[in-house]
Amino acid sequence: MTADYSYFGKKILIIDDQRAFQVMLKSMLQNFGASDIHFAHSAELAIRMCQKNSYDILLIDYNLGNAQNGAQLLEELRQTDAIAPGTLCLIISGESHKSIVLNALEMEPDDFLTKPFSQNQLNHRVQRASQKRQELLPIYIAFAEQQYQRAIEYCQQYMADKGRYHSICQSLMVEAMIHKKDYQGARSILQEQLKKGIQTSVIATLGHVDYLLGNYQKAIEVLSNIVRDSPFLLSAYDSLALAFRDNGQPDKALNIISRANEISPLSVSRQQIMADLALETNNLRLAKEAFGQILTLARRSVHRGPEHLCNFIRSLIDEAQDEEDLYRKNRLLQEVGNVLFKARHEEGLDNQFDFEAFEGLSQARVLATKGEIHRAKQVLFSSNQDYIHTPKHVPNILLPDTFLTLHSVGEYEYAIPIIEELRLRDAINPLARKAANRLAENPKFSAQMNNFHELNQRGIQAHSEGNYQQAAQLFHKALRIAPGNTGVMLNRIQSLLKHLASTPNGSLNEFELCKQGFQSLEGIQLTLIHAKRLKTLKDEFEALLRGHTHT
């Protein structure tokens, strides 16, 4: 290896929270001829420095304390274009645990060094990484600018010139073709590569391309062999799980992705695949665990966002609703409160996220799960009144949970416009959309809705025909399906009052049922129409009560 790389005039950033290691690295670099050396003791500081300055080399320690790790930092720097395509990025770690090493390697640094290492080892790795990056720089620039056709053309020219990084260039060309959805072209190149000898990574990519082409069974055969013979090639697990899923075998897909997350649980995207598959197979406990891990990882990475909080809270409540053991159910619902309390100082600081409204939705669902429908409605309508009455004003991130919460308290008249609004919008978190659609498209829900509407309509018909007692009974049956439905509760009270008014000796039980109906609506912010109707019914009730007392 010739020492062609000159450190003279190169701007270098050392990112490490340990002062002693910063000093040691600086000494090594100065011995190579470097003089423009800078330090960042945290990922947050490193991001700010990279946004303001351009660096030639980043030496990133993996363990940066309790915030972002080195792999997460590198991912964010690249995704936010805070570093140039020509910047060398090396990750350094004092730990050799496979989950850490695999997580770092998945971010594709120019090299990965394990402490301790010598001055010569560091220099050798920098020299080697520099030669490859500089020689393939036009391709990396095209990728950074998402100009994939240009990247393909550079690759073709480089291979025609018989460059030393021929196989790497072929892999980059395949990647560019996949971005362009030229899967057949990618497959042809991979098959040409295999003619020169068996390469595990090439076979794994071929399996992935077969999956993209819809050749699920072929992909399953190829990738099953890969994960058996090369158990640490994590990308193969991802493609295999997706192939099993799309081949109609979600249980096998979940088993595969679970194995990958056991090997290295630090990938947000892989945890998302597991959460999705867990929901599809109704493994609510595993879904909750995956969503919890996603929230933890995302808060320290470029993937941060309130949608992960929403998914985790929803998964906690979903599991609680499905849980038969009362102790576990209450523990899960208690955890909702604990997570929300912490989130107030995390996602709650996001000005683009209506945390108060989401907290109200979550608390209302918790209360509904406990059977406290009246309190649930009070919380729901006080925290989300404007959104409930005007679906088009509901933020994308709140639409799925608004629908689920309205359903949980039986407010179907409000829930249906919300789900219809959700179907009109594109920018909805896929997992959240699936959660809402899973309920909305459930045949049981449709049957429940149809039964509810039929009973309500029959009650309205009976009332219009003067059969008030029968109408009240039909409304009562509708309320057994949707105990908190405001409209039907008002219908029932109205029919009871009409029956009381038409009966010389009104039933005390019917008076009591009216009182219970009024109590169930206390403290709830109703629509103007419902509020006016409620006042009229209360006045009628008071008049009847006075007349009954005098009698």
Protein backbone atom coordinates (compact mmCIF):
# COMPACT_ATOMS: atom_id res chain seq x y z
CA MET A 1 0.00 0.00 0.00
CA THR A 2 1.51 3.26 -1.07
CA ALA A 3 1.05 6.21 1.27
CA ASP A 4 -0.47 8.50 -1.35
CA TYR A 5 -2.85 10.20 1.03
CA SER A 6 -1.50 13.47 2.37
CA TYR A 7 -2.87 14.74 5.68
CA PHE A 8 -1.41 18.18 5.05
CA GLY A 9 -4.16 20.80 4.89
CA LYS A 10 -6.86 18.24 5.65
CA LYS A 11 -9.57 19.28 8.09
CA ILE A 12 -10.27 16.49 10.56
CA LEU A 13 -13.02 16.14 13.18
CA ILE A 14 -12.62 13.72 16.09
CA ILE A 15 -15.96 12.86 17.71
CA ASP A 16 -15.44 11.24 21.09
CA ASP A 17 -16.67 11.97 24.61
CA GLN A 18 -13.39 10.88 26.23
CA ARG A 19 -10.74 13.58 26.41
CA ALA A 20 -7.88 11.07 26.76
CA PHE A 21 -8.80 9.35 23.49
CA GLN A 22 -9.14 12.71 21.72
CA VAL A 23 -5.59 13.59 22.75
CA MET A 24 -4.24 10.20 21.66
CA LEU A 25 -5.88 10.43 18.22
CA LYS A 26 -4.67 13.98 17.77
CA SER A 27 -1.10 12.88 18.50
CA MET A 28 -1.32 10.09 15.93
CA LEU A 29 -2.73 12.42 13.29
CA GLN A 30 -0.07 15.04 13.94
CA ASN A 31 2.55 12.37 13.37
CA PHE A 32 0.97 11.83 9.93
CA GLY A 33 1.33 15.54 9.15
CA ALA A 34 -2.17 16.72 10.09
CA SER A 35 -2.54 20.06 11.85
CA ASP A 36 -6.15 21.21 11.31
CA ILE A 37 -7.75 18.94 13.94
CA HIS A 38 -11.03 19.66 15.72
CA PHE A 39 -13.04 17.95 18.48
CA ALA A 40 -16.68 17.29 19.30
CA HIS A 41 -17.58 15.60 22.59
CA SER A 42 -21.14 14.73 21.54
CA ALA A 43 -23.19 13.84 18.48
CA GLU A 44 -25.25 17.01 18.87
CA LEU A 45 -22.14 19.20 18.76
CA ALA A 46 -20.73 17.21 15.83
CA ILE A 47 -23.90 17.82 13.80
CA ARG A 48 -23.73 21.56 14.42
CA MET A 49 -20.04 21.66 13.48
CA CYS A 50 -20.61 19.67 10.27
CA GLN A 51 -23.47 21.97 9.30
CA LYS A 52 -21.15 24.97 9.56
CA ASN A 53 -17.88 23.48 8.32
CA SER A 54 -16.62 21.03 5.74
CA TYR A 55 -14.35 18.22 6.96
CA ASP A 56 -12.15 15.82 5.04
CA ILE A 57 -12.09 13.10 7.70
CA LEU A 58 -14.50 12.17 10.51
CA LEU A 59 -13.24 9.80 13.21
CA ILE A 60 -16.40 8.80 15.10
CA ASP A 61 -16.43 6.86 18.35
CA TYR A 62 -19.40 4.49 18.52
CA ASN A 63 -20.15 5.04 22.20
CA LEU A 64 -20.96 8.72 22.69
CA GLY A 65 -22.76 8.47 26.02
CA ASN A 66 -26.52 8.47 26.49
CA ALA A 67 -27.44 10.34 23.30
CA GLN A 68 -26.80 9.21 19.72
CA ASN A 69 -24.26 6.50 19.08
CA GLY A 70 -21.69 6.80 16.31
CA ALA A 71 -23.73 4.80 13.79
CA GLN A 72 -26.80 6.96 14.37
CA LEU A 73 -24.69 10.08 14.03
CA LEU A 74 -23.23 8.96 10.71
CA GLU A 75 -26.70 8.09 9.41
CA GLU A 76 -28.03 11.54 10.33
CA LEU A 77 -25.04 13.37 8.86
CA ARG A 78 -25.52 11.60 5.55
CA GLN A 79 -29.30 11.84 5.38
CA THR A 80 -29.24 15.56 6.14
CA ASP A 81 -26.37 16.21 3.68
CA ALA A 82 -24.25 17.64 6.50
CA ILE A 83 -21.14 16.00 5.05
CA ALA A 84 -19.84 15.95 1.50
CA PRO A 85 -19.69 12.73 -0.57
CA GLY A 86 -15.91 12.92 -0.46
CA THR A 87 -15.66 12.98 3.36
CA LEU A 88 -13.98 9.92 4.86
CA CYS A 89 -15.97 8.49 7.79
CA LEU A 90 -14.43 5.92 10.11
CA ILE A 91 -16.27 4.48 13.12
CA ILE A 92 -14.20 3.44 16.13
CA SER A 93 -15.37 1.24 18.98
CA GLY A 94 -13.93 -0.14 22.19
CA GLU A 95 -16.58 -2.87 22.17
CA SER A 96 -16.66 -5.89 19.90
CA HIS A 97 -20.17 -7.14 20.68
CA LYS A 98 -21.71 -8.39 17.45
CA SER A 99 -24.84 -6.23 17.71
CA ILE A 100 -22.69 -3.07 17.94
CA VAL A 101 -20.34 -4.13 15.15
CA LEU A 102 -23.23 -5.11 12.85
CA ASN A 103 -25.10 -1.90 13.59
CA ALA A 104 -22.01 0.15 12.74
CA LEU A 105 -21.31 -1.79 9.55
CA GLU A 106 -24.91 -1.38 8.35
CA MET A 107 -24.27 2.37 8.19
CA GLU A 108 -21.49 1.63 5.66
CA PRO A 109 -18.64 3.70 7.11
CA ASP A 110 -15.46 3.83 5.06
CA ASP A 111 -13.95 1.60 7.73
CA PHE A 112 -14.54 0.26 11.24
CA LEU A 113 -11.75 0.06 13.80
CA THR A 114 -11.81 -1.76 17.12
CA LYS A 115 -9.79 -0.32 20.01
CA PRO A 116 -6.96 -0.64 20.73
CA PHE A 117 -5.22 0.01 17.42
CA SER A 118 -1.79 1.22 16.51
CA GLN A 119 -0.75 4.38 14.69
CA ASN A 120 0.21 2.30 11.65
CA GLN A 121 -3.17 0.55 11.63
CA LEU A 122 -5.03 3.86 11.67
CA ASN A 123 -2.88 5.25 8.86
CA HIS A 124 -3.31 2.08 6.79
CA ARG A 125 -7.12 2.21 7.13
CA VAL A 126 -7.28 5.90 6.23
CA GLN A 127 -5.01 5.37 3.21
CA ARG A 128 -7.08 2.44 1.96
CA ALA A 129 -10.43 4.16 2.50
CA SER A 130 -9.21 7.34 0.82
CA GLN A 131 -8.05 5.56 -2.31
CA LYS A 132 -11.40 3.83 -2.79
CA ARG A 133 -13.53 6.92 -2.07
CA GLN A 134 -11.48 9.20 -4.31
CA GLU A 135 -11.45 6.76 -7.19
CA LEU A 136 -15.24 6.22 -7.00
CA LEU A 137 -16.09 9.80 -5.98
CA PRO A 138 -18.11 10.72 -9.12
CA ILE A 139 -20.37 7.73 -8.40
CA TYR A 140 -20.80 8.70 -4.73
CA ILE A 141 -21.65 12.26 -5.77
CA ALA A 142 -24.28 10.99 -8.22
CA PHE A 143 -25.82 8.87 -5.45
CA ALA A 144 -25.85 11.82 -3.05
CA GLU A 145 -27.70 13.87 -5.69
CA GLN A 146 -30.04 10.91 -6.42
CA GLN A 147 -28.89 10.96 -10.05
CA TYR A 148 -28.98 7.19 -10.46
CA GLN A 149 -28.77 7.07 -14.25
CA ARG A 150 -25.63 9.19 -14.06
CA ALA A 151 -24.25 6.83 -11.39
CA ILE A 152 -24.87 3.88 -13.72
CA GLU A 153 -23.06 5.62 -16.56
CA TYR A 154 -20.06 6.41 -14.34
CA CYS A 155 -19.98 2.77 -13.24
CA GLN A 156 -20.05 1.54 -16.82
CA GLN A 157 -17.20 3.87 -17.79
CA TYR A 158 -15.15 2.90 -14.73
CA MET A 159 -15.54 -0.83 -15.45
CA ALA A 160 -14.66 -0.26 -19.10
CA ASP A 161 -11.45 1.41 -17.90
CA LYS A 162 -10.79 -1.70 -15.75
CA GLY A 163 -10.52 0.16 -12.47
CA ARG A 164 -9.24 -1.69 -9.42
CA TYR A 165 -12.59 -1.49 -7.58
CA HIS A 166 -14.45 -3.31 -10.33
CA SER A 167 -16.59 -5.54 -8.06
CA ILE A 168 -17.51 -2.64 -5.75
CA CYS A 169 -18.47 -0.61 -8.81
CA GLN A 170 -20.71 -3.42 -10.03
CA SER A 171 -22.46 -3.53 -6.65
CA LEU A 172 -23.01 0.23 -6.81
CA MET A 173 -24.44 -0.08 -10.30
CA VAL A 174 -26.88 -2.76 -9.09
CA GLU A 175 -27.90 -0.47 -6.23
CA ALA A 176 -28.52 2.38 -8.66
CA MET A 177 -30.60 0.12 -10.90
CA ILE A 178 -32.70 -0.96 -7.91
CA HIS A 179 -33.31 2.71 -7.11
CA LYS A 180 -34.49 3.14 -10.72
CA LYS A 181 -36.62 -0.02 -10.39
CA ASP A 182 -34.70 -1.64 -13.24
CA TYR A 183 -34.82 -4.99 -11.49
CA GLN A 184 -34.20 -7.10 -14.58
CA GLY A 185 -31.10 -5.08 -15.40
CA ALA A 186 -29.84 -5.52 -11.84
CA ARG A 187 -30.51 -9.25 -12.01
CA SER A 188 -28.51 -9.60 -15.23
CA ILE A 189 -25.46 -7.91 -13.67
CA LEU A 190 -25.69 -10.08 -10.57
CA GLN A 191 -25.82 -13.24 -12.65
CA GLU A 192 -22.72 -12.09 -14.56
CA GLN A 193 -20.95 -11.53 -11.24
CA LEU A 194 -21.80 -15.06 -10.10
CA LYS A 195 -20.17 -16.52 -13.20
CA LYS A 196 -16.85 -15.31 -11.80
CA GLY A 197 -17.35 -17.18 -8.52
CA ILE A 198 -19.77 -17.61 -5.63
CA GLN A 199 -20.07 -14.45 -3.52
CA THR A 200 -22.45 -14.48 -0.58
CA SER A 201 -23.32 -10.78 -0.80
CA VAL A 202 -24.08 -11.10 -4.53
CA ILE A 203 -26.39 -14.08 -3.95
CA ALA A 204 -28.15 -12.18 -1.15
CA THR A 205 -28.71 -9.21 -3.44
CA LEU A 206 -29.99 -11.55 -6.16
CA GLY A 207 -32.50 -12.93 -3.65
CA HIS A 208 -33.58 -9.38 -2.83
CA VAL A 209 -34.03 -8.58 -6.53
CA ASP A 210 -36.09 -11.76 -6.99
CA TYR A 211 -38.31 -10.52 -4.18
CA LEU A 212 -38.68 -7.13 -5.88
CA LEU A 213 -39.60 -8.90 -9.12
CA GLY A 214 -42.34 -10.81 -7.31
CA ASN A 215 -40.53 -14.15 -7.57
CA TYR A 216 -41.27 -14.84 -3.91
CA GLN A 217 -40.69 -18.57 -3.86
CA LYS A 218 -37.35 -18.22 -5.67
CA ALA A 219 -36.32 -15.45 -3.27
CA ILE A 220 -37.29 -17.61 -0.30
CA GLU A 221 -35.15 -20.50 -1.56
CA VAL A 222 -32.09 -18.32 -2.18
CA LEU A 223 -32.32 -16.24 0.98
CA SER A 224 -33.11 -19.17 3.28
CA ASN A 225 -29.76 -20.67 2.32
CA ILE A 226 -28.02 -17.34 2.90
CA VAL A 227 -29.32 -16.83 6.45
CA ARG A 228 -28.46 -20.43 7.25
CA ASP A 229 -24.88 -20.22 5.96
CA SER A 230 -24.19 -16.53 6.75
CA PRO A 231 -26.25 -15.78 9.87
CA PHE A 232 -24.85 -12.26 10.31
CA LEU A 233 -25.87 -10.94 6.87
CA LEU A 234 -28.83 -9.01 8.24
CA SER A 235 -30.10 -7.53 4.97
CA ALA A 236 -30.86 -11.09 3.82
CA TYR A 237 -33.23 -11.54 6.78
CA ASP A 238 -35.11 -8.38 5.81
CA SER A 239 -35.66 -9.51 2.22
CA LEU A 240 -36.54 -13.05 3.30
CA ALA A 241 -39.10 -11.82 5.82
CA LEU A 242 -40.73 -9.59 3.20
CA ALA A 243 -40.77 -12.45 0.69
CA PHE A 244 -42.49 -14.75 3.19
CA ARG A 245 -45.00 -12.00 4.02
CA ASP A 246 -45.91 -11.25 0.42
CA ASN A 247 -46.07 -14.98 -0.27
CA GLY A 248 -48.85 -15.26 2.30
CA GLN A 249 -46.73 -16.71 5.13
CA PRO A 250 -46.69 -13.97 7.81
CA ASP A 251 -45.87 -16.34 10.67
CA LYS A 252 -42.67 -17.47 8.95
CA ALA A 253 -41.89 -13.86 8.08
CA LEU A 254 -42.22 -12.85 11.74
CA ASN A 255 -39.97 -15.71 12.83
CA ILE A 256 -37.24 -14.61 10.40
CA ILE A 257 -37.29 -10.92 11.31
CA SER A 258 -37.38 -11.79 15.02
CA ARG A 259 -34.19 -13.79 14.58
CA ALA A 260 -32.54 -10.81 12.88
CA ASN A 261 -33.55 -8.49 15.72
CA GLU A 262 -32.17 -10.93 18.26
CA ILE A 263 -28.79 -10.70 16.51
CA SER A 264 -28.86 -6.90 16.22
CA PRO A 265 -31.85 -5.02 17.72
CA LEU A 266 -30.58 -1.54 16.83
CA SER A 267 -32.19 -0.96 13.42
CA VAL A 268 -35.35 1.18 13.32
CA SER A 269 -36.41 -0.14 9.91
CA ARG A 270 -36.01 -3.77 10.97
CA GLN A 271 -38.00 -3.17 14.16
CA GLN A 272 -40.72 -1.57 12.01
CA ILE A 273 -40.90 -4.69 9.85
CA MET A 274 -41.27 -6.78 13.02
CA ALA A 275 -43.97 -4.49 14.44
CA ASP A 276 -45.93 -4.67 11.19
CA LEU A 277 -45.70 -8.46 11.03
CA ALA A 278 -46.56 -8.83 14.71
CA LEU A 279 -49.76 -6.84 14.15
CA GLU A 280 -50.58 -8.87 11.07
CA THR A 281 -50.28 -12.11 13.07
CA ASN A 282 -52.08 -10.55 16.09
CA ASN A 283 -49.01 -10.91 18.29
CA LEU A 284 -49.83 -7.74 20.22
CA ARG A 285 -47.20 -8.23 22.89
CA LEU A 286 -44.38 -8.49 20.36
CA ALA A 287 -45.79 -5.52 18.44
CA LYS A 288 -45.71 -3.45 21.62
CA GLU A 289 -42.11 -4.46 22.34
CA ALA A 290 -41.07 -3.53 18.79
CA PHE A 291 -42.82 -0.15 18.92
CA GLY A 292 -41.18 0.55 22.28
CA GLN A 293 -37.76 -0.21 20.84
CA ILE A 294 -38.49 1.96 17.79
CA LEU A 295 -39.42 4.90 20.03
CA THR A 296 -36.20 4.53 22.05
CA LEU A 297 -34.00 4.25 18.96
CA ALA A 298 -35.77 6.96 16.98
CA ARG A 299 -35.48 9.56 19.74
CA ARG A 300 -31.69 9.39 19.35
CA SER A 301 -31.58 9.28 15.57
CA VAL A 302 -32.57 10.99 12.34
CA HIS A 303 -35.81 8.96 12.50
CA ARG A 304 -37.09 10.92 15.51
CA GLY A 305 -40.71 12.03 15.33
CA PRO A 306 -43.99 11.91 17.29
CA GLU A 307 -45.41 9.15 15.08
CA HIS A 308 -43.30 6.64 17.03
CA LEU A 309 -44.85 7.79 20.31
CA CYS A 310 -48.32 7.43 18.80
CA ASN A 311 -47.57 3.91 17.57
CA PHE A 312 -46.18 2.80 20.94
CA ILE A 313 -49.05 4.24 22.99
CA ARG A 314 -51.56 2.68 20.61
CA SER A 315 -49.85 -0.71 20.91
CA LEU A 316 -49.96 -0.54 24.73
CA ILE A 317 -53.71 0.13 24.69
CA ASP A 318 -54.34 -2.50 22.01
CA GLU A 319 -52.59 -5.13 24.12
CA ALA A 320 -54.46 -4.01 27.24
CA GLN A 321 -57.80 -4.34 25.45
CA ASP A 322 -56.87 -7.87 24.40
CA GLU A 323 -55.50 -8.86 27.83
CA GLU A 324 -57.71 -11.06 30.01
CA ASP A 325 -55.51 -10.91 33.10
CA LEU A 326 -56.71 -7.86 35.05
CA TYR A 327 -53.32 -7.26 36.69
CA ARG A 328 -51.48 -7.17 33.36
CA LYS A 329 -54.23 -5.06 31.79
CA ASN A 330 -53.88 -2.43 34.53
CA ARG A 331 -50.07 -2.49 34.32
CA LEU A 332 -50.22 -1.82 30.57
CA LEU A 333 -52.68 1.03 31.02
CA GLN A 334 -50.52 2.47 33.80
CA GLU A 335 -47.53 2.36 31.45
CA VAL A 336 -49.45 4.58 29.02
CA GLY A 337 -49.45 7.31 31.67
CA ASN A 338 -45.76 6.81 32.41
CA VAL A 339 -44.79 7.00 28.73
CA LEU A 340 -46.89 10.13 28.21
CA PHE A 341 -45.31 11.80 31.24
CA LYS A 342 -41.82 11.28 29.83
CA ALA A 343 -42.95 12.20 26.31
CA ARG A 344 -44.06 15.63 27.49
CA HIS A 345 -40.34 16.50 27.68
CA GLU A 346 -39.53 14.78 24.38
CA GLU A 347 -42.22 14.79 21.68
CA GLY A 348 -44.17 17.35 23.73
CA LEU A 349 -41.54 19.94 22.81
CA ASP A 350 -42.25 19.51 19.09
CA ASN A 351 -44.18 22.62 18.01
CA GLN A 352 -45.60 20.76 15.02
CA PHE A 353 -47.23 18.11 17.23
CA ASP A 354 -50.44 18.77 19.20
CA PHE A 355 -49.32 16.83 22.25
CA GLU A 356 -52.29 17.95 24.39
CA ALA A 357 -54.77 16.58 21.86
CA PHE A 358 -52.88 13.28 21.55
CA GLU A 359 -52.64 12.94 25.33
CA GLY A 360 -56.41 13.48 25.53
CA LEU A 361 -57.03 10.78 22.91
CA SER A 362 -54.76 8.35 24.77
CA GLN A 363 -56.29 9.02 28.18
CA ALA A 364 -59.78 8.67 26.73
CA ARG A 365 -58.93 5.26 25.22
CA VAL A 366 -57.44 4.16 28.54
CA LEU A 367 -60.64 5.14 30.37
CA ALA A 368 -62.80 3.44 27.75
CA THR A 369 -60.71 0.28 28.10
CA LYS A 370 -61.44 0.39 31.83
CA GLY A 371 -65.16 0.69 31.08
CA GLU A 372 -65.36 4.32 32.23
CA ILE A 373 -67.17 5.57 29.12
CA HIS A 374 -68.55 8.77 30.63
CA ARG A 375 -65.16 9.98 31.86
CA ALA A 376 -63.59 8.89 28.56
CA LYS A 377 -66.03 11.07 26.63
CA GLN A 378 -65.43 14.02 28.93
CA VAL A 379 -61.68 13.82 28.35
CA LEU A 380 -62.08 13.21 24.62
CA PHE A 381 -64.44 16.08 23.89
CA SER A 382 -62.65 18.56 26.13
CA SER A 383 -59.27 17.91 24.48
CA ASN A 384 -60.32 17.31 20.85
CA GLN A 385 -63.65 19.06 20.37
CA ASP A 386 -62.62 21.15 17.35
CA TYR A 387 -60.99 18.18 15.63
CA ILE A 388 -63.94 15.86 16.25
CA HIS A 389 -66.44 18.29 14.80
CA THR A 390 -64.26 19.26 11.83
CA PRO A 391 -62.41 16.19 10.45
CA LYS A 392 -60.53 18.17 7.80
CA HIS A 393 -58.77 20.08 10.60
CA VAL A 394 -57.41 16.94 12.26
CA PRO A 395 -53.62 16.69 11.75
CA ASN A 396 -52.45 13.63 9.82
CA ILE A 397 -50.68 12.21 12.84
CA LEU A 398 -53.86 12.30 14.97
CA LEU A 399 -56.40 10.95 12.45
CA PRO A 400 -55.94 7.20 13.14
CA ASP A 401 -56.11 7.56 16.92
CA THR A 402 -59.04 9.98 16.72
CA PHE A 403 -60.99 7.31 14.83
CA LEU A 404 -59.99 4.54 17.27
CA THR A 405 -60.89 6.65 20.29
CA LEU A 406 -64.28 7.71 18.92
CA HIS A 407 -65.03 4.08 18.22
CA SER A 408 -64.02 3.08 21.75
CA VAL A 409 -66.62 5.45 23.26
CA GLY A 410 -69.31 4.49 20.73
CA GLU A 411 -69.45 7.82 18.87
CA TYR A 412 -69.91 6.24 15.44
CA GLU A 413 -71.47 9.34 13.86
CA TYR A 414 -68.20 11.17 14.50
CA ALA A 415 -65.95 8.17 13.81
CA ILE A 416 -67.13 7.50 10.25
CA PRO A 417 -66.30 11.00 8.88
CA ILE A 418 -62.86 10.69 10.51
CA ILE A 419 -62.06 7.37 8.81
CA GLU A 420 -63.37 8.77 5.51
CA GLU A 421 -61.06 11.77 5.90
CA LEU A 422 -58.15 9.43 6.67
CA ARG A 423 -58.73 7.55 3.42
CA LEU A 424 -58.46 10.80 1.46
CA ARG A 425 -54.98 11.61 2.76
CA ASP A 426 -51.65 10.22 1.62
CA ALA A 427 -49.25 11.47 4.30
CA ILE A 428 -50.35 9.07 7.06
CA ASN A 429 -47.88 6.85 8.89
CA PRO A 430 -48.34 3.40 7.25
CA LEU A 431 -48.48 1.48 10.53
CA ALA A 432 -50.98 3.94 12.00
CA ARG A 433 -53.14 3.73 8.86
CA LYS A 434 -53.11 -0.06 9.10
CA ALA A 435 -54.21 0.12 12.74
CA ALA A 436 -57.24 2.24 11.82
CA ASN A 437 -58.08 0.21 8.71
CA ARG A 438 -57.75 -3.05 10.62
CA LEU A 439 -60.75 -1.95 12.69
CA ALA A 440 -62.66 -0.09 9.97
CA GLU A 441 -62.38 -3.01 7.52
CA ASN A 442 -63.05 -5.73 10.10
CA PRO A 443 -66.26 -7.62 9.17
CA LYS A 444 -67.17 -7.69 12.86
CA PHE A 445 -67.01 -3.89 12.99
CA SER A 446 -69.14 -3.58 9.84
CA ALA A 447 -71.72 -5.98 11.29
CA GLN A 448 -71.67 -4.07 14.56
CA MET A 449 -72.15 -0.76 12.77
CA ASN A 450 -74.98 -2.12 10.62
CA ASN A 451 -76.72 -3.58 13.66
CA PHE A 452 -76.32 -0.30 15.54
CA HIS A 453 -77.72 1.79 12.70
CA GLU A 454 -80.57 -0.64 12.12
CA LEU A 455 -81.62 -0.52 15.78
CA ASN A 456 -81.37 3.28 15.82
CA GLN A 457 -83.44 3.61 12.64
CA ARG A 458 -86.07 1.17 13.92
CA GLY A 459 -86.19 3.18 17.13
CA ILE A 460 -86.70 6.42 15.20
CA GLN A 461 -89.45 4.76 13.14
CA ALA A 462 -91.20 3.39 16.24
CA HIS A 463 -90.99 6.82 17.88
CA SER A 464 -92.51 8.54 14.83
CA GLU A 465 -95.39 6.03 14.95
CA GLY A 466 -96.06 6.78 18.61
CA ASN A 467 -94.67 3.48 19.91
CA TYR A 468 -92.51 5.24 22.49
CA GLN A 469 -91.87 2.33 24.82
CA GLN A 470 -90.80 0.10 21.93
CA ALA A 471 -88.60 2.92 20.59
CA ALA A 472 -86.89 3.32 23.99
CA GLN A 473 -86.22 -0.42 24.07
CA LEU A 474 -84.67 -0.34 20.57
CA PHE A 475 -82.47 2.63 21.51
CA HIS A 476 -81.42 0.74 24.63
CA LYS A 477 -80.30 -2.20 22.46
CA ALA A 478 -78.34 0.21 20.24
CA LEU A 479 -76.63 1.64 23.33
CA ARG A 480 -75.52 -1.84 24.34
CA ILE A 481 -73.45 -1.83 21.13
CA ALA A 482 -72.24 1.78 21.55
CA PRO A 483 -72.74 2.70 25.24
CA GLY A 484 -71.49 6.27 24.88
CA ASN A 485 -73.31 7.32 21.72
CA THR A 486 -74.67 10.81 22.36
CA GLY A 487 -77.30 10.89 19.62
CA VAL A 488 -78.88 7.57 20.59
CA MET A 489 -78.79 8.49 24.28
CA LEU A 490 -80.76 11.64 23.47
CA ASN A 491 -83.15 9.58 21.32
CA ARG A 492 -83.74 7.19 24.20
CA ILE A 493 -84.40 10.00 26.68
CA GLN A 494 -86.83 11.60 24.25
CA SER A 495 -88.78 8.35 23.78
CA LEU A 496 -88.87 7.72 27.54
CA LEU A 497 -90.18 11.23 28.12
CA LYS A 498 -92.86 10.81 25.45
CA HIS A 499 -93.93 7.52 27.01
CA LEU A 500 -94.01 9.11 30.46
CA ALA A 501 -96.09 12.01 29.12
CA SER A 502 -98.60 9.61 27.50
CA THR A 503 -98.94 7.42 30.61
CA PRO A 504 -101.06 8.74 33.51
CA ASN A 505 -98.93 6.99 36.14
CA GLY A 506 -95.39 7.18 34.82
CA SER A 507 -92.94 4.48 35.82
CA LEU A 508 -90.39 5.46 38.44
CA ASN A 509 -87.92 3.25 36.59
CA GLU A 510 -88.35 5.33 33.44
CA PHE A 511 -87.76 8.53 35.41
CA GLU A 512 -84.59 6.95 36.80
CA LEU A 513 -83.44 5.91 33.31
CA CYS A 514 -83.89 9.50 32.14
CA LYS A 515 -81.82 10.79 35.08
CA GLN A 516 -79.07 8.28 34.29
CA GLY A 517 -79.13 9.41 30.66
CA PHE A 518 -78.73 13.06 31.64
CA GLN A 519 -75.89 12.17 34.03
CA SER A 520 -74.06 10.32 31.24
CA LEU A 521 -73.99 13.53 29.22
CA GLU A 522 -72.84 15.85 32.02
CA GLY A 523 -69.52 17.63 31.49
CA ILE A 524 -69.34 16.70 27.81
CA GLN A 525 -68.89 19.47 25.26
CA LEU A 526 -71.71 18.72 22.82
CA THR A 527 -72.41 20.14 19.40
CA LEU A 528 -74.73 23.14 19.32
CA ILE A 529 -77.60 20.97 18.02
CA HIS A 530 -77.10 18.29 20.68
CA ALA A 531 -76.68 20.89 23.43
CA LYS A 532 -79.94 22.63 22.42
CA ARG A 533 -81.76 19.31 22.25
CA LEU A 534 -80.42 18.29 25.65
CA LYS A 535 -81.70 21.53 27.23
CA THR A 536 -85.16 21.01 25.72
CA LEU A 537 -85.30 17.44 27.03
CA LYS A 538 -84.18 18.54 30.50
CA ASP A 539 -86.96 21.14 30.57
CA GLU A 540 -89.50 18.50 29.55
CA PHE A 541 -88.17 16.14 32.20
CA GLU A 542 -88.42 18.77 34.93
CA ALA A 543 -92.02 19.56 33.92
CA LEU A 544 -92.98 15.88 33.95
CA LEU A 545 -91.23 15.35 37.27
CA ARG A 546 -93.16 18.24 38.84
CA GLY A 547 -96.43 16.91 37.47
CA HIS A 548 -95.65 13.38 38.69
CA THR A 549 -94.78 14.72 42.18
CA HIS A 550 -98.06 16.64 42.44
CA THR A 551 -99.97 13.54 41.40
